[in-house]
Amino acid sequence: MTNIDYDTRTLIGRKAADRYDSKVGTISDVYVDDQTGQPTWLAVNTGLFGTKVHFVPLAGAAAYGDDVFLAYDKDVIKDAPAVDPDGVLAPDEEAALYTHYEMAYAGAGFTAADAETRRRGPAEVGHDVSGPNTDDAMTRSEEQLDVSKRTRPTATARLRKWIDTEDVEIRVPVRREKARLVTEPITDVNRGKAMSGPALSSEEHEVVLSEEVVDVDKRVVPKERVRLETATETDEVAVDDTVRKERIAFDHDTEDRRRTGR
C-alpha cells in the first residue's frame, strides 16, 4: 500500500478529532490501497509538537467543515502499532493495523466526494426527473442559524488594602485637686480638738494634691467587611449571517398535449 496523489488530499492539513469530539491531531497524509485504488488510511500527526504519527482507518470518518471526525476513540488511535510514515505500508504493518482496529483484512473506500456529501448533508443531493429514486414530491430545505454562547473574561476587578495614617483629636475630661483656705469658728462641736494641743506652738500641716492624667494606648478594632460581588446584566447582540434556502418553482407546458398529430 502506498500513498499517491488523490483527490482525498483535500483532507490533508485538517484537524482530526475522535467520535467524541476530542482532538487527536492533524492529518498529514492519505494512504491508498494498491489493489483497490481506494484511500484506506489516514496518517495523523499527534503529540505536543506533532512529531508522532498514528495511522487511522478512513472508513467511517466524516468531514465537517475544516474538521475530520474519526470513527475511533482517541486512546485506541494513540495505542495503534507504530508505523514508519515513509509513504509505504508493508504487508506486516498493514496486517498489524487491521488487527489493532479489529477490521477484516479488506477496507471500504472513502472518497473526497463522500466527505463533501457528509459535510453538505443529503438535502443538497438531488434526483434526476427520471431517476430510480425519484418520488412524487420534492423536499425543500434551508439553512438556519445555530447560535451558541460561551463565556470569556473581559476585565479583572480586585480589592487592594493598605495602611494609611491620619491625625485624630478627642477631648478627654480630667480632674485635679486645688487647695483653698477654710476658717471655722470654735464651737462646742470642735472645741475638744481645738484645745487638745499646747496653748501656743509652731506647726506645719501638709495636704497632698492630685490630678488625673491621660495615658494613651491603641488597639485594633474591626470596623467592616468588604468584598466583591458580580451582577449580571442582559444585553442583546445582533447576529448577522447569510443562509441558503432552496426554492421550488412551478412550471408547466403551455402546449395542449391533448391534440393529436395528423
C-alpha atoms as a PDB file:
ATOM      1  CA  MET A   1       0.000   0.000   0.000  1.00  0.00           C
ATOM      2  CA  THR A   2       1.409   3.390  -0.988  1.00  0.00           C
ATOM      3  CA  ASN A   3       0.238   6.959  -0.731  1.00  0.00           C
ATOM      4  CA  ILE A   4      -0.471   8.523  -4.142  1.00  0.00           C
ATOM      5  CA  ASP A   5      -1.789  11.800  -5.441  1.00  0.00           C
ATOM      6  CA  TYR A   6      -5.571  11.543  -4.924  1.00  0.00           C
ATOM      7  CA  ASP A   7      -8.410  13.988  -4.535  1.00  0.00           C
ATOM      8  CA  THR A   8      -8.743  12.973  -0.876  1.00  0.00           C
ATOM      9  CA  ARG A   9      -5.651  15.081  -0.319  1.00  0.00           C
ATOM     10  CA  THR A  10      -8.135  17.834   0.405  1.00  0.00           C
ATOM     11  CA  LEU A  11      -8.269  16.188   3.830  1.00  0.00           C
ATOM     12  CA  ILE A  12      -4.569  16.833   4.421  1.00  0.00           C
ATOM     13  CA  GLY A  13      -3.967  19.635   6.889  1.00  0.00           C
ATOM     14  CA  ARG A  14      -7.357  19.357   8.546  1.00  0.00           C
ATOM     15  CA  LYS A  15      -7.752  18.829  12.263  1.00  0.00           C
ATOM     16  CA  ALA A  16      -8.723  15.294  13.268  1.00  0.00           C
ATOM     17  CA  ALA A  17     -10.959  14.514  16.255  1.00  0.00           C
ATOM     18  CA  ASP A  18     -12.346  11.266  17.600  1.00  0.00           C
ATOM     19  CA  ARG A  19     -16.008  10.356  17.647  1.00  0.00           C
ATOM     20  CA  TYR A  20     -16.444  12.179  20.961  1.00  0.00           C
ATOM     21  CA  ASP A  21     -15.029  15.432  19.517  1.00  0.00           C
ATOM     22  CA  SER A  22     -11.740  15.030  21.409  1.00  0.00           C
ATOM     23  CA  LYS A  23      -8.805  16.496  19.473  1.00  0.00           C
ATOM     24  CA  VAL A  24      -6.409  13.879  18.098  1.00  0.00           C
ATOM     25  CA  GLY A  25      -4.035  15.768  15.795  1.00  0.00           C
ATOM     26  CA  THR A  26      -3.570  16.943  12.207  1.00  0.00           C
ATOM     27  CA  ILE A  27      -3.939  14.815   9.080  1.00  0.00           C
ATOM     28  CA  SER A  28      -0.587  14.722   7.268  1.00  0.00           C
ATOM     29  CA  ASP A  29      -1.199  12.126   4.514  1.00  0.00           C
ATOM     30  CA  VAL A  30      -3.712   9.748   2.914  1.00  0.00           C
ATOM     31  CA  TYR A  31      -2.658   6.169   2.100  1.00  0.00           C
ATOM     32  CA  VAL A  32      -4.357   4.323  -0.763  1.00  0.00           C
ATOM     33  CA  ASP A  33      -4.726   0.586  -1.257  1.00  0.00           C
ATOM     34  CA  ASP A  34      -2.661  -0.596  -4.239  1.00  0.00           C
ATOM     35  CA  GLN A  35      -5.162  -3.294  -5.170  1.00  0.00           C
ATOM     36  CA  THR A  36      -8.436  -1.379  -4.929  1.00  0.00           C
ATOM     37  CA  GLY A  37      -7.100   2.110  -5.595  1.00  0.00           C
ATOM     38  CA  GLN A  38      -9.230   3.364  -2.740  1.00  0.00           C
ATOM     39  CA  PRO A  39      -7.964   5.628   0.100  1.00  0.00           C
ATOM     40  CA  THR A  40      -7.877   3.491   3.242  1.00  0.00           C
ATOM     41  CA  TRP A  41      -5.636   5.018   5.915  1.00  0.00           C
ATOM     42  CA  LEU A  42      -5.095   8.497   7.340  1.00  0.00           C
ATOM     43  CA  ALA A  43      -1.702   9.437   8.759  1.00  0.00           C
ATOM     44  CA  VAL A  44      -2.363  11.719  11.739  1.00  0.00           C
ATOM     45  CA  ASN A  45       0.349  13.764  13.434  1.00  0.00           C
ATOM     46  CA  THR A  46      -0.153  13.727  17.208  1.00  0.00           C
ATOM     47  CA  GLY A  47       1.710  14.901  20.281  1.00  0.00           C
ATOM     48  CA  LEU A  48       2.550  18.346  21.588  1.00  0.00           C
ATOM     49  CA  PHE A  49       4.725  19.223  18.579  1.00  0.00           C
ATOM     50  CA  GLY A  50       3.060  16.862  16.092  1.00  0.00           C
ATOM     51  CA  THR A  51       6.148  14.635  15.877  1.00  0.00           C
ATOM     52  CA  LYS A  52       4.312  11.333  16.318  1.00  0.00           C
ATOM     53  CA  VAL A  53       2.327   9.736  13.502  1.00  0.00           C
ATOM     54  CA  HIS A  54      -0.571   7.320  14.017  1.00  0.00           C
ATOM     55  CA  PHE A  55      -2.481   5.540  11.271  1.00  0.00           C
ATOM     56  CA  VAL A  56      -6.285   5.570  11.461  1.00  0.00           C
ATOM     57  CA  PRO A  57      -8.799   3.860   9.146  1.00  0.00           C
ATOM     58  CA  LEU A  58     -10.546   6.247   6.813  1.00  0.00           C
ATOM     59  CA  ALA A  59     -13.665   4.065   6.849  1.00  0.00           C
ATOM     60  CA  GLY A  60     -16.369   5.617   8.984  1.00  0.00           C
ATOM     61  CA  ALA A  61     -14.703   9.047   9.100  1.00  0.00           C
ATOM     62  CA  ALA A  62     -16.727  12.125   8.257  1.00  0.00           C
ATOM     63  CA  ALA A  63     -15.594  15.610   7.247  1.00  0.00           C
ATOM     64  CA  TYR A  64     -17.491  18.605   8.617  1.00  0.00           C
ATOM     65  CA  GLY A  65     -16.132  21.999   7.666  1.00  0.00           C
ATOM     66  CA  ASP A  66     -12.409  22.040   8.382  1.00  0.00           C
ATOM     67  CA  ASP A  67     -12.517  19.087  10.800  1.00  0.00           C
ATOM     68  CA  VAL A  68     -12.481  15.351  10.191  1.00  0.00           C
ATOM     69  CA  PHE A  69     -14.199  13.166  12.784  1.00  0.00           C
ATOM     70  CA  LEU A  70     -12.695   9.687  13.034  1.00  0.00           C
ATOM     71  CA  ALA A  71     -14.668   6.560  13.890  1.00  0.00           C
ATOM     72  CA  TYR A  72     -12.393   5.528  16.768  1.00  0.00           C
ATOM     73  CA  ASP A  73     -11.636   6.752  20.281  1.00  0.00           C
ATOM     74  CA  LYS A  74      -8.552   8.871  20.905  1.00  0.00           C
ATOM     75  CA  ASP A  75      -6.990   6.258  23.224  1.00  0.00           C
ATOM     76  CA  VAL A  76      -7.446   3.491  20.641  1.00  0.00           C
ATOM     77  CA  ILE A  77      -5.776   5.644  17.983  1.00  0.00           C
ATOM     78  CA  LYS A  78      -2.787   6.500  20.159  1.00  0.00           C
ATOM     79  CA  ASP A  79      -2.316   2.825  21.096  1.00  0.00           C
ATOM     80  CA  ALA A  80      -2.077   1.802  17.429  1.00  0.00           C
ATOM     81  CA  PRO A  81       1.108  -0.033  16.330  1.00  0.00           C
ATOM     82  CA  ALA A  82       3.987   2.285  15.477  1.00  0.00           C
ATOM     83  CA  VAL A  83       4.474   2.503  11.717  1.00  0.00           C
ATOM     84  CA  ASP A  84       7.147   4.494   9.908  1.00  0.00           C
ATOM     85  CA  PRO A  85       5.353   7.075   7.701  1.00  0.00           C
ATOM     86  CA  ASP A  86       7.715   6.548   4.760  1.00  0.00           C
ATOM     87  CA  GLY A  87       4.986   6.516   2.108  1.00  0.00           C
ATOM     88  CA  VAL A  88       4.628   2.723   2.017  1.00  0.00           C
ATOM     89  CA  LEU A  89       2.782   0.359   4.351  1.00  0.00           C
ATOM     90  CA  ALA A  90       4.435  -3.052   4.370  1.00  0.00           C
ATOM     91  CA  PRO A  91       2.066  -6.060   4.455  1.00  0.00           C
ATOM     92  CA  ASP A  92       3.006  -6.921   8.042  1.00  0.00           C
ATOM     93  CA  GLU A  93       2.462  -3.283   9.126  1.00  0.00           C
ATOM     94  CA  GLU A  94      -0.901  -3.186   7.402  1.00  0.00           C
ATOM     95  CA  ALA A  95      -1.926  -6.506   8.962  1.00  0.00           C
ATOM     96  CA  ALA A  96      -0.966  -5.205  12.425  1.00  0.00           C
ATOM     97  CA  LEU A  97      -3.123  -2.120  11.897  1.00  0.00           C
ATOM     98  CA  TYR A  98      -6.084  -4.214  10.734  1.00  0.00           C
ATOM     99  CA  THR A  99      -5.710  -6.409  13.811  1.00  0.00           C
ATOM    100  CA  HIS A 100      -5.468  -3.430  16.173  1.00  0.00           C
ATOM    101  CA  TYR A 101      -8.608  -1.796  14.795  1.00  0.00           C
ATOM    102  CA  GLU A 102     -10.410  -5.182  14.691  1.00  0.00           C
ATOM    103  CA  MET A 103     -11.054  -4.888  10.970  1.00  0.00           C
ATOM    104  CA  ALA A 104     -11.296  -7.629   8.413  1.00  0.00           C
ATOM    105  CA  TYR A 105      -8.375  -7.552   6.027  1.00  0.00           C
ATOM    106  CA  ALA A 106     -10.357  -5.589   3.442  1.00  0.00           C
ATOM    107  CA  GLY A 107     -11.462  -1.974   3.543  1.00  0.00           C
ATOM    108  CA  ALA A 108     -14.189   0.161   2.077  1.00  0.00           C
ATOM    109  CA  GLY A 109     -13.004   3.333   0.401  1.00  0.00           C
ATOM    110  CA  PHE A 110     -13.814   6.854   1.459  1.00  0.00           C
ATOM    111  CA  THR A 111     -13.511   9.449  -1.261  1.00  0.00           C
ATOM    112  CA  ALA A 112     -13.443  13.204  -1.233  1.00  0.00           C
ATOM    113  CA  ALA A 113     -16.928  13.102  -2.745  1.00  0.00           C
ATOM    114  CA  ASP A 114     -18.094  11.096   0.275  1.00  0.00           C
ATOM    115  CA  ALA A 115     -16.587  13.682   2.608  1.00  0.00           C
ATOM    116  CA  GLU A 116     -18.283  16.509   0.703  1.00  0.00           C
ATOM    117  CA  THR A 117     -21.628  14.691   0.764  1.00  0.00           C
ATOM    118  CA  ARG A 118     -21.395  14.211   4.532  1.00  0.00           C
ATOM    119  CA  ARG A 119     -20.401  17.814   5.035  1.00  0.00           C
ATOM    120  CA  ARG A 120     -23.197  19.239   2.895  1.00  0.00           C
ATOM    121  CA  GLY A 121     -25.823  16.726   4.013  1.00  0.00           C
ATOM    122  CA  PRO A 122     -28.388  14.834   1.974  1.00  0.00           C
ATOM    123  CA  ALA A 123     -30.513  17.951   1.332  1.00  0.00           C
ATOM    124  CA  GLU A 124     -28.145  19.035  -1.446  1.00  0.00           C
ATOM    125  CA  VAL A 125     -28.158  15.647  -3.219  1.00  0.00           C
ATOM    126  CA  GLY A 126     -30.885  15.768  -5.846  1.00  0.00           C
ATOM    127  CA  HIS A 127     -32.500  13.224  -8.181  1.00  0.00           C
ATOM    128  CA  ASP A 128     -32.918  13.238 -11.904  1.00  0.00           C
ATOM    129  CA  VAL A 129     -36.507  13.555 -13.104  1.00  0.00           C
ATOM    130  CA  SER A 130     -36.360  10.017 -14.461  1.00  0.00           C
ATOM    131  CA  GLY A 131     -34.030   8.512 -11.887  1.00  0.00           C
ATOM    132  CA  PRO A 132     -34.839   5.343  -9.954  1.00  0.00           C
ATOM    133  CA  ASN A 133     -35.036   7.188  -6.610  1.00  0.00           C
ATOM    134  CA  THR A 134     -37.491   9.848  -7.745  1.00  0.00           C
ATOM    135  CA  ASP A 135     -40.746  10.008  -5.812  1.00  0.00           C
ATOM    136  CA  ASP A 136     -43.809  12.228  -6.202  1.00  0.00           C
ATOM    137  CA  ALA A 137     -42.540  15.129  -4.107  1.00  0.00           C
ATOM    138  CA  MET A 138     -39.504  17.328  -3.579  1.00  0.00           C
ATOM    139  CA  THR A 139     -38.041  18.188  -0.210  1.00  0.00           C
ATOM    140  CA  ARG A 140     -37.289  21.871   0.241  1.00  0.00           C
ATOM    141  CA  SER A 141     -34.659  22.624   2.863  1.00  0.00           C
ATOM    142  CA  GLU A 142     -32.977  25.715   4.145  1.00  0.00           C
ATOM    143  CA  GLU A 143     -30.134  26.628   6.420  1.00  0.00           C
ATOM    144  CA  GLN A 144     -30.850  28.079   9.837  1.00  0.00           C
ATOM    145  CA  LEU A 145     -28.527  29.884  12.182  1.00  0.00           C
ATOM    146  CA  ASP A 146     -27.450  27.717  15.096  1.00  0.00           C
ATOM    147  CA  VAL A 147     -26.292  30.226  17.718  1.00  0.00           C
ATOM    148  CA  SER A 148     -24.431  29.160  20.830  1.00  0.00           C
ATOM    149  CA  LYS A 149     -22.850  31.180  23.611  1.00  0.00           C
ATOM    150  CA  ARG A 150     -19.614  30.908  25.524  1.00  0.00           C
ATOM    151  CA  THR A 151     -18.190  32.898  28.405  1.00  0.00           C
ATOM    152  CA  ARG A 152     -14.925  34.759  28.046  1.00  0.00           C
ATOM    153  CA  PRO A 153     -13.063  37.008  30.509  1.00  0.00           C
ATOM    154  CA  THR A 154     -13.329  40.731  29.782  1.00  0.00           C
ATOM    155  CA  ALA A 155     -11.770  42.502  32.768  1.00  0.00           C
ATOM    156  CA  THR A 156     -10.325  41.942  36.230  1.00  0.00           C
ATOM    157  CA  ALA A 157     -11.641  43.596  39.397  1.00  0.00           C
ATOM    158  CA  ARG A 158      -9.619  43.356  42.583  1.00  0.00           C
ATOM    159  CA  LEU A 159      -9.637  44.594  46.179  1.00  0.00           C
ATOM    160  CA  ARG A 160      -6.432  46.223  47.469  1.00  0.00           C
ATOM    161  CA  LYS A 161      -5.795  47.060  51.133  1.00  0.00           C
ATOM    162  CA  TRP A 162      -3.079  49.327  52.526  1.00  0.00           C
ATOM    163  CA  ILE A 163      -2.307  51.198  55.767  1.00  0.00           C
ATOM    164  CA  ASP A 164      -2.939  54.943  55.916  1.00  0.00           C
ATOM    165  CA  THR A 165      -2.137  57.440  58.716  1.00  0.00           C
ATOM    166  CA  GLU A 166      -4.303  60.290  59.935  1.00  0.00           C
ATOM    167  CA  ASP A 167      -4.414  62.614  62.970  1.00  0.00           C
ATOM    168  CA  VAL A 168      -7.209  62.055  65.473  1.00  0.00           C
ATOM    169  CA  GLU A 169      -8.137  64.513  68.250  1.00  0.00           C
ATOM    170  CA  ILE A 170     -10.536  63.706  71.069  1.00  0.00           C
ATOM    171  CA  ARG A 171     -11.459  65.781  74.183  1.00  0.00           C
ATOM    172  CA  VAL A 172     -10.933  63.912  77.477  1.00  0.00           C
ATOM    173  CA  PRO A 173     -12.189  65.472  80.771  1.00  0.00           C
ATOM    174  CA  VAL A 174      -9.658  65.232  83.650  1.00  0.00           C
ATOM    175  CA  ARG A 175      -9.945  66.206  87.325  1.00  0.00           C
ATOM    176  CA  ARG A 176      -7.292  67.898  89.503  1.00  0.00           C
ATOM    177  CA  GLU A 177      -7.294  68.988  93.172  1.00  0.00           C
ATOM    178  CA  LYS A 178      -6.663  72.556  94.384  1.00  0.00           C
ATOM    179  CA  ALA A 179      -6.027  73.817  97.945  1.00  0.00           C
ATOM    180  CA  ARG A 180      -8.152  76.566  99.454  1.00  0.00           C
ATOM    181  CA  LEU A 181      -8.158  78.101 102.914  1.00  0.00           C
ATOM    182  CA  VAL A 182     -11.221  77.475 105.099  1.00  0.00           C
ATOM    183  CA  THR A 183     -11.752  79.019 108.593  1.00  0.00           C
ATOM    184  CA  GLU A 184     -14.404  77.986 111.031  1.00  0.00           C
ATOM    185  CA  PRO A 185     -15.348  79.412 114.491  1.00  0.00           C
ATOM    186  CA  ILE A 186     -14.770  77.476 117.727  1.00  0.00           C
ATOM    187  CA  THR A 187     -17.968  75.807 118.760  1.00  0.00           C
ATOM    188  CA  ASP A 188     -18.971  73.128 121.191  1.00  0.00           C
ATOM    189  CA  VAL A 189     -18.550  70.607 118.350  1.00  0.00           C
ATOM    190  CA  ASN A 190     -14.889  71.294 117.587  1.00  0.00           C
ATOM    191  CA  ARG A 191     -13.783  72.736 120.906  1.00  0.00           C
ATOM    192  CA  GLY A 192     -12.195  69.491 122.077  1.00  0.00           C
ATOM    193  CA  LYS A 193      -9.961  69.181 119.029  1.00  0.00           C
ATOM    194  CA  ALA A 194      -9.047  72.880 119.244  1.00  0.00           C
ATOM    195  CA  MET A 195      -7.900  72.692 122.884  1.00  0.00           C
ATOM    196  CA  SER A 196      -6.080  69.287 122.569  1.00  0.00           C
ATOM    197  CA  GLY A 197      -2.638  70.792 121.921  1.00  0.00           C
ATOM    198  CA  PRO A 198      -0.400  73.292 123.659  1.00  0.00           C
ATOM    199  CA  ALA A 199      -1.680  76.769 124.124  1.00  0.00           C
ATOM    200  CA  LEU A 200       0.936  78.253 121.817  1.00  0.00           C
ATOM    201  CA  SER A 201       3.111  76.327 119.332  1.00  0.00           C
ATOM    202  CA  SER A 202       4.703  76.385 115.865  1.00  0.00           C
ATOM    203  CA  GLU A 203       3.323  73.752 113.421  1.00  0.00           C
ATOM    204  CA  GLU A 204       3.106  72.768 109.779  1.00  0.00           C
ATOM    205  CA  HIS A 205       0.287  70.882 108.100  1.00  0.00           C
ATOM    206  CA  GLU A 206       0.532  69.379 104.585  1.00  0.00           C
ATOM    207  CA  VAL A 207      -2.126  68.221 102.156  1.00  0.00           C
ATOM    208  CA  VAL A 208      -1.151  66.206  99.028  1.00  0.00           C
ATOM    209  CA  LEU A 209      -2.932  67.489  95.950  1.00  0.00           C
ATOM    210  CA  SER A 210      -3.597  65.074  92.986  1.00  0.00           C
ATOM    211  CA  GLU A 211      -4.858  65.276  89.427  1.00  0.00           C
ATOM    212  CA  GLU A 212      -5.893  62.894  86.636  1.00  0.00           C
ATOM    213  CA  VAL A 213      -3.532  62.464  83.700  1.00  0.00           C
ATOM    214  CA  VAL A 214      -4.307  60.895  80.280  1.00  0.00           C
ATOM    215  CA  ASP A 215      -2.482  57.716  79.243  1.00  0.00           C
ATOM    216  CA  VAL A 216      -2.894  56.916  75.505  1.00  0.00           C
ATOM    217  CA  ASP A 217      -2.779  53.402  74.122  1.00  0.00           C
ATOM    218  CA  LYS A 218      -4.000  51.959  70.782  1.00  0.00           C
ATOM    219  CA  ARG A 219      -5.873  48.804  69.887  1.00  0.00           C
ATOM    220  CA  VAL A 220      -7.090  47.379  66.577  1.00  0.00           C
ATOM    221  CA  VAL A 221     -10.848  47.273  66.182  1.00  0.00           C
ATOM    222  CA  PRO A 222     -12.532  45.566  63.182  1.00  0.00           C
ATOM    223  CA  LYS A 223     -14.914  48.023  61.540  1.00  0.00           C
ATOM    224  CA  GLU A 224     -16.452  46.414  58.445  1.00  0.00           C
ATOM    225  CA  ARG A 225     -16.226  43.633  55.890  1.00  0.00           C
ATOM    226  CA  VAL A 226     -15.576  44.482  52.235  1.00  0.00           C
ATOM    227  CA  ARG A 227     -15.953  42.029  49.359  1.00  0.00           C
ATOM    228  CA  LEU A 228     -16.511  41.964  45.628  1.00  0.00           C
ATOM    229  CA  GLU A 229     -19.761  40.764  44.107  1.00  0.00           C
ATOM    230  CA  THR A 230     -20.698  40.296  40.468  1.00  0.00           C
ATOM    231  CA  ALA A 231     -24.005  41.265  38.907  1.00  0.00           C
ATOM    232  CA  THR A 232     -25.189  40.020  35.539  1.00  0.00           C
ATOM    233  CA  GLU A 233     -26.673  42.415  33.031  1.00  0.00           C
ATOM    234  CA  THR A 234     -28.514  41.202  29.971  1.00  0.00           C
ATOM    235  CA  ASP A 235     -27.935  42.832  26.620  1.00  0.00           C
ATOM    236  CA  GLU A 236     -28.693  41.905  23.044  1.00  0.00           C
ATOM    237  CA  VAL A 237     -26.106  41.285  20.356  1.00  0.00           C
ATOM    238  CA  ALA A 238     -27.093  41.279  16.709  1.00  0.00           C
ATOM    239  CA  VAL A 239     -26.005  38.189  14.765  1.00  0.00           C
ATOM    240  CA  ASP A 240     -25.845  38.785  11.024  1.00  0.00           C
ATOM    241  CA  ASP A 241     -25.032  35.954   8.624  1.00  0.00           C
ATOM    242  CA  THR A 242     -26.091  34.540   5.292  1.00  0.00           C
ATOM    243  CA  VAL A 243     -28.154  31.371   4.993  1.00  0.00           C
ATOM    244  CA  ARG A 244     -29.084  29.407   1.913  1.00  0.00           C
ATOM    245  CA  LYS A 245     -32.657  28.423   1.097  1.00  0.00           C
ATOM    246  CA  GLU A 246     -33.951  26.111  -1.561  1.00  0.00           C
ATOM    247  CA  ARG A 247     -36.743  27.459  -3.748  1.00  0.00           C
ATOM    248  CA  ILE A 248     -39.243  25.421  -5.710  1.00  0.00           C
ATOM    249  CA  ALA A 249     -40.982  26.918  -8.725  1.00  0.00           C
ATOM    250  CA  PHE A 250     -43.950  25.518 -10.573  1.00  0.00           C
ATOM    251  CA  ASP A 251     -43.543  25.330 -14.331  1.00  0.00           C
ATOM    252  CA  HIS A 252     -45.994  23.793 -16.807  1.00  0.00           C
ATOM    253  CA  ASP A 253     -46.117  23.435 -20.559  1.00  0.00           C
ATOM    254  CA  THR A 254     -48.483  25.746 -22.442  1.00  0.00           C
ATOM    255  CA  GLU A 255     -48.895  23.395 -25.351  1.00  0.00           C
ATOM    256  CA  ASP A 256     -52.145  21.431 -25.370  1.00  0.00           C
ATOM    257  CA  ARG A 257     -50.857  17.890 -25.253  1.00  0.00           C
ATOM    258  CA  ARG A 258     -54.361  16.527 -25.876  1.00  0.00           C
ATOM    259  CA  ARG A 259     -54.132  17.435 -29.539  1.00  0.00           C
ATOM    260  CA  THR A 260     -53.209  14.561 -31.833  1.00  0.00           C
ATOM    261  CA  GLY A 261     -50.974  14.913 -34.823  1.00  0.00           C
ATOM    262  CA  ARG A 262     -52.296  14.393 -38.276  1.00  0.00           C
END
